[in-house]
Amino acid sequence: MSVLSSLRSRPWMMLLVSIGLVASHAILLYRVREAGMSHAGISGVVVLGVVVLVVAKHLGLFAALLRSLHGVFRRRLRNGKPEA
């Protein structure tokens, strides 16, 4: 069973991941607004983030990351205990 299908088979875990993502983005937005960044600065950061994601996707860096994470989770599930 792959990590993604394992995550999908447990709806409560997907809910926790979703809540964590929303909360982390809300905290990040709050910190940026408190720092007094202008709207142009925030837009620039968002565009830069999108460009970095597109380049990483194009170069296949996400595939390598997911492949390595899959190996870690597969070993952890097979052994039944976390790695040291």
PDB file of N, CA and C in Angstrom:
ATOM      1  N   MET A   1       0.847  -1.165   0.000  1.00  0.00           N
ATOM      2  CA  MET A   1       0.000   0.000   0.000  1.00  0.00           C
ATOM      3  C   MET A   1       0.897   1.234   0.000  1.00  0.00           C
ATOM      4  N   SER A   2       0.626   2.147  -0.910  1.00  0.00           N
ATOM      5  CA  SER A   2       1.464   3.348  -0.980  1.00  0.00           C
ATOM      6  C   SER A   2       1.088   4.316   0.142  1.00  0.00           C
ATOM      7  N   VAL A   3       1.960   5.285   0.370  1.00  0.00           N
ATOM      8  CA  VAL A   3       1.741   6.247   1.444  1.00  0.00           C
ATOM      9  C   VAL A   3       0.481   7.053   1.172  1.00  0.00           C
ATOM     10  N   LEU A   4       0.287   7.460  -0.086  1.00  0.00           N
ATOM     11  CA  LEU A   4      -0.885   8.255  -0.425  1.00  0.00           C
ATOM     12  C   LEU A   4      -2.170   7.467  -0.243  1.00  0.00           C
ATOM     13  N   SER A   5      -2.196   6.211  -0.688  1.00  0.00           N
ATOM     14  CA  SER A   5      -3.410   5.421  -0.517  1.00  0.00           C
ATOM     15  C   SER A   5      -3.637   5.109   0.960  1.00  0.00           C
ATOM     16  N   SER A   6      -2.566   4.984   1.731  1.00  0.00           N
ATOM     17  CA  SER A   6      -2.698   4.781   3.162  1.00  0.00           C
ATOM     18  C   SER A   6      -3.318   6.013   3.816  1.00  0.00           C
ATOM     19  N   LEU A   7      -2.892   7.194   3.352  1.00  0.00           N
ATOM     20  CA  LEU A   7      -3.436   8.440   3.879  1.00  0.00           C
ATOM     21  C   LEU A   7      -4.907   8.581   3.511  1.00  0.00           C
ATOM     22  N   ARG A   8      -5.251   8.189   2.288  1.00  0.00           N
ATOM     23  CA  ARG A   8      -6.650   8.283   1.841  1.00  0.00           C
ATOM     24  C   ARG A   8      -7.544   7.293   2.564  1.00  0.00           C
ATOM     25  N   SER A   9      -6.991   6.175   3.004  1.00  0.00           N
ATOM     26  CA  SER A   9      -7.815   5.167   3.658  1.00  0.00           C
ATOM     27  C   SER A   9      -8.148   5.549   5.100  1.00  0.00           C
ATOM     28  N   ARG A  10      -7.485   6.574   5.600  1.00  0.00           N
ATOM     29  CA  ARG A  10      -7.751   7.053   6.954  1.00  0.00           C
ATOM     30  C   ARG A  10      -8.238   8.493   6.883  1.00  0.00           C
ATOM     31  N   PRO A  11      -9.551   8.690   6.815  1.00  0.00           N
ATOM     32  CA  PRO A  11     -10.086  10.051   6.640  1.00  0.00           C
ATOM     33  C   PRO A  11      -9.725  10.987   7.788  1.00  0.00           C
ATOM     34  N   TRP A  12      -9.591  10.481   8.990  1.00  0.00           N
ATOM     35  CA  TRP A  12      -9.252  11.350  10.113  1.00  0.00           C
ATOM     36  C   TRP A  12      -7.843  11.887   9.968  1.00  0.00           C
ATOM     37  N   MET A  13      -6.937  11.084   9.376  1.00  0.00           N
ATOM     38  CA  MET A  13      -5.574  11.558   9.183  1.00  0.00           C
ATOM     39  C   MET A  13      -5.536  12.636   8.101  1.00  0.00           C
ATOM     40  N   MET A  14      -6.319  12.447   7.038  1.00  0.00           N
ATOM     41  CA  MET A  14      -6.398  13.453   5.982  1.00  0.00           C
ATOM     42  C   MET A  14      -6.978  14.748   6.541  1.00  0.00           C
ATOM     43  N   LEU A  15      -7.941  14.635   7.449  1.00  0.00           N
ATOM     44  CA  LEU A  15      -8.519  15.814   8.087  1.00  0.00           C
ATOM     45  C   LEU A  15      -7.461  16.537   8.928  1.00  0.00           C
ATOM     46  N   LEU A  16      -6.660  15.796   9.680  1.00  0.00           N
ATOM     47  CA  LEU A  16      -5.598  16.407  10.482  1.00  0.00           C
ATOM     48  C   LEU A  16      -4.558  17.105   9.613  1.00  0.00           C
ATOM     49  N   VAL A  17      -4.183  16.480   8.513  1.00  0.00           N
ATOM     50  CA  VAL A  17      -3.217  17.088   7.598  1.00  0.00           C
ATOM     51  C   VAL A  17      -3.792  18.363   7.005  1.00  0.00           C
ATOM     52  N   SER A  18      -5.055  18.332   6.619  1.00  0.00           N
ATOM     53  CA  SER A  18      -5.707  19.518   6.046  1.00  0.00           C
ATOM     54  C   SER A  18      -5.781  20.655   7.064  1.00  0.00           C
ATOM     55  N   ILE A  19      -6.155  20.333   8.284  1.00  0.00           N
ATOM     56  CA  ILE A  19      -6.217  21.360   9.335  1.00  0.00           C
ATOM     57  C   ILE A  19      -4.835  21.935   9.595  1.00  0.00           C
ATOM     58  N   GLY A  20      -3.823  21.090   9.613  1.00  0.00           N
ATOM     59  CA  GLY A  20      -2.458  21.560   9.811  1.00  0.00           C
ATOM     60  C   GLY A  20      -1.992  22.490   8.702  1.00  0.00           C
ATOM     61  N   LEU A  21      -2.315  22.148   7.461  1.00  0.00           N
ATOM     62  CA  LEU A  21      -1.935  23.012   6.340  1.00  0.00           C
ATOM     63  C   LEU A  21      -2.637  24.363   6.412  1.00  0.00           C
ATOM     64  N   VAL A  22      -3.920  24.362   6.691  1.00  0.00           N
ATOM     65  CA  VAL A  22      -4.661  25.620   6.788  1.00  0.00           C
ATOM     66  C   VAL A  22      -4.127  26.462   7.944  1.00  0.00           C
ATOM     67  N   ALA A  23      -3.886  25.846   9.081  1.00  0.00           N
ATOM     68  CA  ALA A  23      -3.383  26.587  10.247  1.00  0.00           C
ATOM     69  C   ALA A  23      -1.991  27.157   9.986  1.00  0.00           C
ATOM     70  N   SER A  24      -1.126  26.378   9.358  1.00  0.00           N
ATOM     71  CA  SER A  24       0.224  26.882   9.098  1.00  0.00           C
ATOM     72  C   SER A  24       0.206  28.041   8.110  1.00  0.00           C
ATOM     73  N   HIS A  25      -0.663  27.975   7.108  1.00  0.00           N
ATOM     74  CA  HIS A  25      -0.765  29.088   6.168  1.00  0.00           C
ATOM     75  C   HIS A  25      -1.357  30.325   6.843  1.00  0.00           C
ATOM     76  N   ALA A  26      -2.315  30.129   7.715  1.00  0.00           N
ATOM     77  CA  ALA A  26      -2.901  31.271   8.431  1.00  0.00           C
ATOM     78  C   ALA A  26      -1.866  31.936   9.333  1.00  0.00           C
ATOM     79  N   ILE A  27      -1.064  31.139  10.009  1.00  0.00           N
ATOM     80  CA  ILE A  27      -0.010  31.688  10.873  1.00  0.00           C
ATOM     81  C   ILE A  27       1.021  32.428  10.037  1.00  0.00           C
ATOM     82  N   LEU A  28       1.396  31.866   8.903  1.00  0.00           N
ATOM     83  CA  LEU A  28       2.360  32.516   8.018  1.00  0.00           C
ATOM     84  C   LEU A  28       1.815  33.854   7.512  1.00  0.00           C
ATOM     85  N   LEU A  29       0.557  33.886   7.096  1.00  0.00           N
ATOM     86  CA  LEU A  29      -0.051  35.128   6.627  1.00  0.00           C
ATOM     87  C   LEU A  29      -0.105  36.163   7.746  1.00  0.00           C
ATOM     88  N   TYR A  30      -0.440  35.738   8.938  1.00  0.00           N
ATOM     89  CA  TYR A  30      -0.485  36.652  10.083  1.00  0.00           C
ATOM     90  C   TYR A  30       0.896  37.242  10.361  1.00  0.00           C
ATOM     91  N   ARG A  31       1.936  36.406  10.335  1.00  0.00           N
ATOM     92  CA  ARG A  31       3.300  36.877  10.607  1.00  0.00           C
ATOM     93  C   ARG A  31       3.775  37.860   9.534  1.00  0.00           C
ATOM     94  N   VAL A  32       3.415  37.599   8.283  1.00  0.00           N
ATOM     95  CA  VAL A  32       3.806  38.496   7.195  1.00  0.00           C
ATOM     96  C   VAL A  32       3.100  39.841   7.341  1.00  0.00           C
ATOM     97  N   ARG A  33       1.830  39.823   7.687  1.00  0.00           N
ATOM     98  CA  ARG A  33       1.091  41.076   7.860  1.00  0.00           C
ATOM     99  C   ARG A  33       1.596  41.853   9.059  1.00  0.00           C
ATOM    100  N   GLU A  34       1.966  41.171  10.116  1.00  0.00           N
ATOM    101  CA  GLU A  34       2.499  41.843  11.304  1.00  0.00           C
ATOM    102  C   GLU A  34       3.869  42.448  11.039  1.00  0.00           C
ATOM    103  N   ALA A  35       4.610  41.883  10.105  1.00  0.00           N
ATOM    104  CA  ALA A  35       5.929  42.407   9.769  1.00  0.00           C
ATOM    105  C   ALA A  35       5.831  43.694   8.958  1.00  0.00           C
ATOM    106  N   GLY A  36       4.635  44.034   8.503  1.00  0.00           N
ATOM    107  CA  GLY A  36       4.424  45.270   7.770  1.00  0.00           C
ATOM    108  C   GLY A  36       4.840  45.201   6.316  1.00  0.00           C
ATOM    109  N   MET A  37       4.790  44.015   5.726  1.00  0.00           N
ATOM    110  CA  MET A  37       5.141  43.869   4.323  1.00  0.00           C
ATOM    111  C   MET A  37       4.043  44.461   3.445  1.00  0.00           C
ATOM    112  N   SER A  38       4.437  45.102   2.342  1.00  0.00           N
ATOM    113  CA  SER A  38       3.451  45.700   1.444  1.00  0.00           C
ATOM    114  C   SER A  38       2.773  44.619   0.606  1.00  0.00           C
ATOM    115  N   HIS A  39       1.677  45.013  -0.048  1.00  0.00           N
ATOM    116  CA  HIS A  39       0.965  44.060  -0.902  1.00  0.00           C
ATOM    117  C   HIS A  39       1.846  43.633  -2.070  1.00  0.00           C
ATOM    118  N   ALA A  40       2.639  44.555  -2.596  1.00  0.00           N
ATOM    119  CA  ALA A  40       3.532  44.203  -3.698  1.00  0.00           C
ATOM    120  C   ALA A  40       4.576  43.186  -3.231  1.00  0.00           C
ATOM    121  N   GLY A  41       5.070  43.348  -2.026  1.00  0.00           N
ATOM    122  CA  GLY A  41       6.047  42.394  -1.492  1.00  0.00           C
ATOM    123  C   GLY A  41       5.441  41.016  -1.303  1.00  0.00           C
ATOM    124  N   ILE A  42       4.219  40.967  -0.790  1.00  0.00           N
ATOM    125  CA  ILE A  42       3.538  39.680  -0.591  1.00  0.00           C
ATOM    126  C   ILE A  42       3.274  39.017  -1.936  1.00  0.00           C
ATOM    127  N   SER A  43       2.834  39.811  -2.932  1.00  0.00           N
ATOM    128  CA  SER A  43       2.584  39.258  -4.265  1.00  0.00           C
ATOM    129  C   SER A  43       3.873  38.712  -4.872  1.00  0.00           C
ATOM    130  N   GLY A  44       4.965  39.421  -4.666  1.00  0.00           N
ATOM    131  CA  GLY A  44       6.248  38.946  -5.179  1.00  0.00           C
ATOM    132  C   GLY A  44       6.664  37.626  -4.562  1.00  0.00           C
ATOM    133  N   VAL A  45       6.449  37.490  -3.262  1.00  0.00           N
ATOM    134  CA  VAL A  45       6.780  36.244  -2.576  1.00  0.00           C
ATOM    135  C   VAL A  45       5.917  35.094  -3.092  1.00  0.00           C
ATOM    136  N   VAL A  46       4.637  35.363  -3.327  1.00  0.00           N
ATOM    137  CA  VAL A  46       3.734  34.324  -3.844  1.00  0.00           C
ATOM    138  C   VAL A  46       4.167  33.888  -5.237  1.00  0.00           C
ATOM    139  N   VAL A  47       4.479  34.867  -6.105  1.00  0.00           N
ATOM    140  CA  VAL A  47       4.931  34.536  -7.463  1.00  0.00           C
ATOM    141  C   VAL A  47       6.233  33.751  -7.414  1.00  0.00           C
ATOM    142  N   LEU A  48       7.160  34.155  -6.563  1.00  0.00           N
ATOM    143  CA  LEU A  48       8.413  33.429  -6.423  1.00  0.00           C
ATOM    144  C   LEU A  48       8.171  31.989  -5.961  1.00  0.00           C
ATOM    145  N   GLY A  49       7.252  31.809  -5.033  1.00  0.00           N
ATOM    146  CA  GLY A  49       6.921  30.463  -4.567  1.00  0.00           C
ATOM    147  C   GLY A  49       6.354  29.596  -5.680  1.00  0.00           C
ATOM    148  N   VAL A  50       5.494  30.170  -6.503  1.00  0.00           N
ATOM    149  CA  VAL A  50       4.914  29.422  -7.623  1.00  0.00           C
ATOM    150  C   VAL A  50       6.007  29.053  -8.625  1.00  0.00           C
ATOM    151  N   VAL A  51       6.906  29.999  -8.913  1.00  0.00           N
ATOM    152  CA  VAL A  51       8.003  29.719  -9.845  1.00  0.00           C
ATOM    153  C   VAL A  51       8.883  28.589  -9.313  1.00  0.00           C
ATOM    154  N   VAL A  52       9.198  28.624  -8.020  1.00  0.00           N
ATOM    155  CA  VAL A  52      10.022  27.563  -7.428  1.00  0.00           C
ATOM    156  C   VAL A  52       9.312  26.213  -7.530  1.00  0.00           C
ATOM    157  N   LEU A  53       8.001  26.184  -7.275  1.00  0.00           N
ATOM    158  CA  LEU A  53       7.256  24.924  -7.389  1.00  0.00           C
ATOM    159  C   LEU A  53       7.245  24.401  -8.819  1.00  0.00           C
ATOM    160  N   VAL A  54       7.072  25.289  -9.795  1.00  0.00           N
ATOM    161  CA  VAL A  54       7.050  24.865 -11.202  1.00  0.00           C
ATOM    162  C   VAL A  54       8.417  24.315 -11.611  1.00  0.00           C
ATOM    163  N   VAL A  55       9.490  24.993 -11.208  1.00  0.00           N
ATOM    164  CA  VAL A  55      10.836  24.521 -11.549  1.00  0.00           C
ATOM    165  C   VAL A  55      11.113  23.176 -10.876  1.00  0.00           C
ATOM    166  N   ALA A  56      10.739  23.045  -9.606  1.00  0.00           N
ATOM    167  CA  ALA A  56      10.956  21.775  -8.903  1.00  0.00           C
ATOM    168  C   ALA A  56      10.177  20.648  -9.552  1.00  0.00           C
ATOM    169  N   LYS A  57       8.957  20.936  -9.967  1.00  0.00           N
ATOM    170  CA  LYS A  57       8.137  19.929 -10.634  1.00  0.00           C
ATOM    171  C   LYS A  57       8.758  19.559 -11.979  1.00  0.00           C
ATOM    172  N   HIS A  58       9.227  20.559 -12.704  1.00  0.00           N
ATOM    173  CA  HIS A  58       9.826  20.317 -14.019  1.00  0.00           C
ATOM    174  C   HIS A  58      11.100  19.476 -13.908  1.00  0.00           C
ATOM    175  N   LEU A  59      11.892  19.729 -12.904  1.00  0.00           N
ATOM    176  CA  LEU A  59      13.148  18.994 -12.729  1.00  0.00           C
ATOM    177  C   LEU A  59      12.947  17.620 -12.093  1.00  0.00           C
ATOM    178  N   GLY A  60      11.757  17.337 -11.624  1.00  0.00           N
ATOM    179  CA  GLY A  60      11.483  16.040 -11.036  1.00  0.00           C
ATOM    180  C   GLY A  60      11.917  15.930  -9.588  1.00  0.00           C
ATOM    181  N   LEU A  61      12.107  17.057  -8.919  1.00  0.00           N
ATOM    182  CA  LEU A  61      12.562  17.013  -7.529  1.00  0.00           C
ATOM    183  C   LEU A  61      11.479  16.475  -6.602  1.00  0.00           C
ATOM    184  N   PHE A  62      10.212  16.742  -6.929  1.00  0.00           N
ATOM    185  CA  PHE A  62       9.134  16.220  -6.088  1.00  0.00           C
ATOM    186  C   PHE A  62       9.066  14.708  -6.170  1.00  0.00           C
ATOM    187  N   ALA A  63       9.311  14.162  -7.349  1.00  0.00           N
ATOM    188  CA  ALA A  63       9.278  12.703  -7.501  1.00  0.00           C
ATOM    189  C   ALA A  63      10.361  12.057  -6.643  1.00  0.00           C
ATOM    190  N   ALA A  64      11.551  12.653  -6.643  1.00  0.00           N
ATOM    191  CA  ALA A  64      12.634  12.110  -5.823  1.00  0.00           C
ATOM    192  C   ALA A  64      12.287  12.209  -4.338  1.00  0.00           C
ATOM    193  N   LEU A  65      11.703  13.327  -3.936  1.00  0.00           N
ATOM    194  CA  LEU A  65      11.316  13.496  -2.535  1.00  0.00           C
ATOM    195  C   LEU A  65      10.256  12.474  -2.135  1.00  0.00           C
ATOM    196  N   LEU A  66       9.233  12.312  -2.966  1.00  0.00           N
ATOM    197  CA  LEU A  66       8.172  11.353  -2.643  1.00  0.00           C
ATOM    198  C   LEU A  66       8.707   9.928  -2.640  1.00  0.00           C
ATOM    199  N   ARG A  67       9.633   9.626  -3.550  1.00  0.00           N
ATOM    200  CA  ARG A  67      10.223   8.289  -3.590  1.00  0.00           C
ATOM    201  C   ARG A  67      10.999   7.999  -2.308  1.00  0.00           C
ATOM    202  N   SER A  68      11.749   8.987  -1.818  1.00  0.00           N
ATOM    203  CA  SER A  68      12.515   8.763  -0.592  1.00  0.00           C
ATOM    204  C   SER A  68      11.590   8.665   0.618  1.00  0.00           C
ATOM    205  N   LEU A  69      10.544   9.494   0.655  1.00  0.00           N
ATOM    206  CA  LEU A  69       9.581   9.406   1.759  1.00  0.00           C
ATOM    207  C   LEU A  69       8.845   8.077   1.738  1.00  0.00           C
ATOM    208  N   HIS A  70       8.532   7.596   0.544  1.00  0.00           N
ATOM    209  CA  HIS A  70       7.840   6.321   0.431  1.00  0.00           C
ATOM    210  C   HIS A  70       8.699   5.197   1.005  1.00  0.00           C
ATOM    211  N   GLY A  71      10.007   5.241   0.735  1.00  0.00           N
ATOM    212  CA  GLY A  71      10.909   4.222   1.276  1.00  0.00           C
ATOM    213  C   GLY A  71      10.962   4.258   2.792  1.00  0.00           C
ATOM    214  N   VAL A  72      10.988   5.467   3.361  1.00  0.00           N
ATOM    215  CA  VAL A  72      11.027   5.604   4.821  1.00  0.00           C
ATOM    216  C   VAL A  72       9.758   5.044   5.442  1.00  0.00           C
ATOM    217  N   PHE A  73       8.598   5.431   4.891  1.00  0.00           N
ATOM    218  CA  PHE A  73       7.335   4.962   5.452  1.00  0.00           C
ATOM    219  C   PHE A  73       7.152   3.468   5.251  1.00  0.00           C
ATOM    220  N   ARG A  74       7.625   2.939   4.112  1.00  0.00           N
ATOM    221  CA  ARG A  74       7.489   1.508   3.863  1.00  0.00           C
ATOM    222  C   ARG A  74       8.318   0.710   4.867  1.00  0.00           C
ATOM    223  N   ARG A  75       9.547   1.169   5.138  1.00  0.00           N
ATOM    224  CA  ARG A  75      10.377   0.481   6.130  1.00  0.00           C
ATOM    225  C   ARG A  75       9.760   0.569   7.514  1.00  0.00           C
ATOM    226  N   ARG A  76       9.190   1.744   7.836  1.00  0.00           N
ATOM    227  CA  ARG A  76       8.591   1.933   9.155  1.00  0.00           C
ATOM    228  C   ARG A  76       7.381   1.023   9.320  1.00  0.00           C
ATOM    229  N   LEU A  77       6.553   0.921   8.285  1.00  0.00           N
ATOM    230  CA  LEU A  77       5.368   0.062   8.373  1.00  0.00           C
ATOM    231  C   LEU A  77       5.763  -1.406   8.416  1.00  0.00           C
ATOM    232  N   ARG A  78       6.798  -1.779   7.693  1.00  0.00           N
ATOM    233  CA  ARG A  78       7.227  -3.180   7.651  1.00  0.00           C
ATOM    234  C   ARG A  78       7.806  -3.608   9.001  1.00  0.00           C
ATOM    235  N   ASN A  79       8.602  -2.750   9.604  1.00  0.00           N
ATOM    236  CA  ASN A  79       9.230  -3.083  10.884  1.00  0.00           C
ATOM    237  C   ASN A  79       8.273  -2.924  12.056  1.00  0.00           C
ATOM    238  N   GLY A  80       7.307  -2.053  11.915  1.00  0.00           N
ATOM    239  CA  GLY A  80       6.361  -1.819  13.013  1.00  0.00           C
ATOM    240  C   GLY A  80       6.891  -0.880  14.071  1.00  0.00           C
ATOM    241  N   LYS A  81       8.049  -0.274  13.822  1.00  0.00           N
ATOM    242  CA  LYS A  81       8.601   0.660  14.780  1.00  0.00           C
ATOM    243  C   LYS A  81       9.345   1.749  14.029  1.00  0.00           C
ATOM    244  N   PRO A  82       9.472   2.937  14.619  1.00  0.00           N
ATOM    245  CA  PRO A  82      10.176   4.022  13.937  1.00  0.00           C
ATOM    246  C   PRO A  82      11.669   3.745  13.813  1.00  0.00           C
ATOM    247  N   GLU A  83      12.261   4.352  12.761  1.00  0.00           N
ATOM    248  CA  GLU A  83      13.706   4.219  12.589  1.00  0.00           C
ATOM    249  C   GLU A  83      14.446   5.064  13.592  1.00  0.00           C
ATOM    250  N   ALA A  84      15.669   4.672  13.900  1.00  0.00           N
ATOM    251  CA  ALA A  84      16.473   5.445  14.845  1.00  0.00           C
ATOM    252  C   ALA A  84      17.233   6.541  14.151  1.00  0.00           C
TER     253      ALA A  84
END
